[in-house]
Amino acid sequence: MFRDKIKAWANGPVVPALYHALKGRFEVNVRHLVAGDSGTLDKEARDTVDGVLSFYGGKAAQWLSDLTHAERPWLEARGSLGPGEPGGSEITISAMVEYYESLKKKS
C-alpha cells in the first residue's frame, strides 16, 4: 500500500521517511502524516487497514514494541546484531507475507 522500505532498526521496524516526518511526536493523528488519500484504497486494502486497526489499534506502545521484537521478519532482518545495535537491513515484503499468512492459517 506504500512504496517505502521497512527497515529493521534496533528499536523495531521503521519506515525511515515516516520516522523523520513524525520524529519527536508522542501522539500521531492524520494531520501529521505525509500525503496520502485513503479514498484511493481498493476494498482489499481498506479491509486490511481496518483489520490491522481493529486488532492493534488499542494496544499499548510497549506491547506493540515487544511484539515486533518477537516476530520473525524483524528478527531475520536483524540477523546477528545484538539488542540495541544499529542496523538498517530491509524487512522484505516477502518475509512479511510469509510470516503473517502463516499466522492466518493458525487462527
Protein backbone atom coordinates (compact mmCIF):
# COMPACT_ATOMS: atom_id res chain seq x y z
CA MET A 1 0.00 0.00 0.00
CA PHE A 2 3.07 2.22 0.12
CA ARG A 3 6.39 2.07 -1.64
CA ASP A 4 8.80 2.87 1.19
CA LYS A 5 11.03 0.13 2.52
CA ILE A 6 10.66 -1.06 6.10
CA LYS A 7 13.95 -1.24 7.96
CA ALA A 8 14.92 -3.41 10.95
CA TRP A 9 16.19 -0.72 13.29
CA ALA A 10 17.29 -1.52 16.84
CA ASN A 11 14.01 -0.38 18.39
CA GLY A 12 11.79 -2.19 15.89
CA PRO A 13 10.54 -1.98 12.30
CA VAL A 14 10.74 1.55 10.89
CA VAL A 15 9.72 3.32 7.71
CA PRO A 16 12.52 5.93 7.73
CA ALA A 17 10.58 8.65 5.85
CA LEU A 18 7.66 8.30 8.25
CA TYR A 19 10.02 8.28 11.23
CA HIS A 20 11.62 11.55 10.12
CA ALA A 21 8.22 13.14 9.43
CA LEU A 22 6.94 12.24 12.93
CA LYS A 23 10.16 12.40 14.97
CA GLY A 24 9.60 13.93 18.39
CA ARG A 25 5.83 13.47 18.42
CA PHE A 26 4.28 11.31 21.10
CA GLU A 27 0.82 11.34 19.59
CA VAL A 28 0.11 10.88 15.92
CA ASN A 29 -3.05 11.62 14.01
CA VAL A 30 -3.94 12.03 10.36
CA ARG A 31 -2.81 15.65 10.08
CA HIS A 32 0.77 14.61 10.98
CA LEU A 33 1.07 12.05 8.21
CA VAL A 34 2.71 12.51 4.86
CA ALA A 35 0.46 13.00 1.85
CA GLY A 36 -1.96 10.21 1.15
CA ASP A 37 -5.58 9.65 0.27
CA SER A 38 -7.38 6.72 1.88
CA GLY A 39 -10.09 7.17 -0.74
CA THR A 40 -7.76 5.62 -3.30
CA LEU A 41 -7.61 2.30 -1.43
CA ASP A 42 -9.42 -0.63 -3.01
CA LYS A 43 -11.70 -2.84 -0.90
CA GLU A 44 -8.95 -5.35 -0.08
CA ALA A 45 -6.56 -2.62 1.08
CA ARG A 46 -9.28 -0.90 3.12
CA ASP A 47 -10.22 -4.25 4.73
CA THR A 48 -6.55 -4.81 5.59
CA VAL A 49 -6.19 -1.39 7.19
CA ASP A 50 -9.46 -1.83 9.08
CA GLY A 51 -8.36 -5.27 10.32
CA VAL A 52 -4.98 -4.01 11.48
CA LEU A 53 -6.53 -1.03 13.27
CA SER A 54 -9.21 -3.22 14.83
CA PHE A 55 -6.70 -5.70 16.24
CA TYR A 56 -3.70 -3.49 17.05
CA GLY A 57 -5.25 -0.01 17.43
CA GLY A 58 -5.97 -0.25 21.15
CA LYS A 59 -2.72 -1.91 22.14
CA ALA A 60 -0.18 -0.13 24.33
CA ALA A 61 3.04 1.11 22.76
CA GLN A 62 5.16 -1.25 24.87
CA TRP A 63 3.00 -4.25 23.91
CA LEU A 64 3.45 -3.38 20.23
CA SER A 65 7.19 -2.91 20.66
CA ASP A 66 7.55 -6.24 22.44
CA LEU A 67 5.53 -7.93 19.70
CA THR A 68 7.67 -6.58 16.87
CA HIS A 69 10.82 -7.70 18.66
CA ALA A 70 9.48 -11.26 18.79
CA GLU A 71 8.31 -11.57 15.19
CA ARG A 72 10.34 -13.48 12.61
CA PRO A 73 10.58 -10.80 9.86
CA TRP A 74 12.28 -8.29 12.18
CA LEU A 75 14.44 -10.95 13.83
CA GLU A 76 15.64 -12.34 10.49
CA ALA A 77 16.40 -8.88 9.10
CA ARG A 78 18.39 -8.08 12.26
CA GLY A 79 20.48 -11.21 11.75
CA SER A 80 23.33 -11.44 14.24
CA LEU A 81 23.00 -7.88 15.55
CA GLY A 82 22.66 -7.67 19.30
CA PRO A 83 20.00 -5.73 21.21
CA GLY A 84 20.41 -2.00 20.69
CA GLU A 85 22.95 -2.37 17.87
CA PRO A 86 22.16 -0.06 14.95
CA GLY A 87 21.08 -1.74 11.77
CA GLY A 88 19.30 -0.91 8.58
CA SER A 89 18.51 -4.15 6.81
CA GLU A 90 15.24 -4.23 4.94
CA ILE A 91 12.33 -6.29 6.22
CA THR A 92 11.17 -7.63 2.87
CA ILE A 93 7.58 -7.78 1.72
CA SER A 94 8.02 -11.48 1.01
CA ALA A 95 9.20 -12.14 4.59
CA MET A 96 6.17 -10.28 5.96
CA VAL A 97 3.71 -12.02 3.64
CA GLU A 98 5.08 -15.45 4.51
CA TYR A 99 5.01 -14.75 8.25
CA TYR A 100 1.59 -13.12 8.50
CA GLU A 101 -0.01 -15.65 6.14
CA SER A 102 1.27 -18.38 8.48
CA LEU A 103 -0.47 -16.63 11.39
CA LYS A 104 -3.74 -16.52 9.46
CA LYS A 105 -3.53 -20.27 8.88
CA LYS A 106 -3.08 -20.92 12.62
CA SER A 107 -6.20 -18.97 13.60
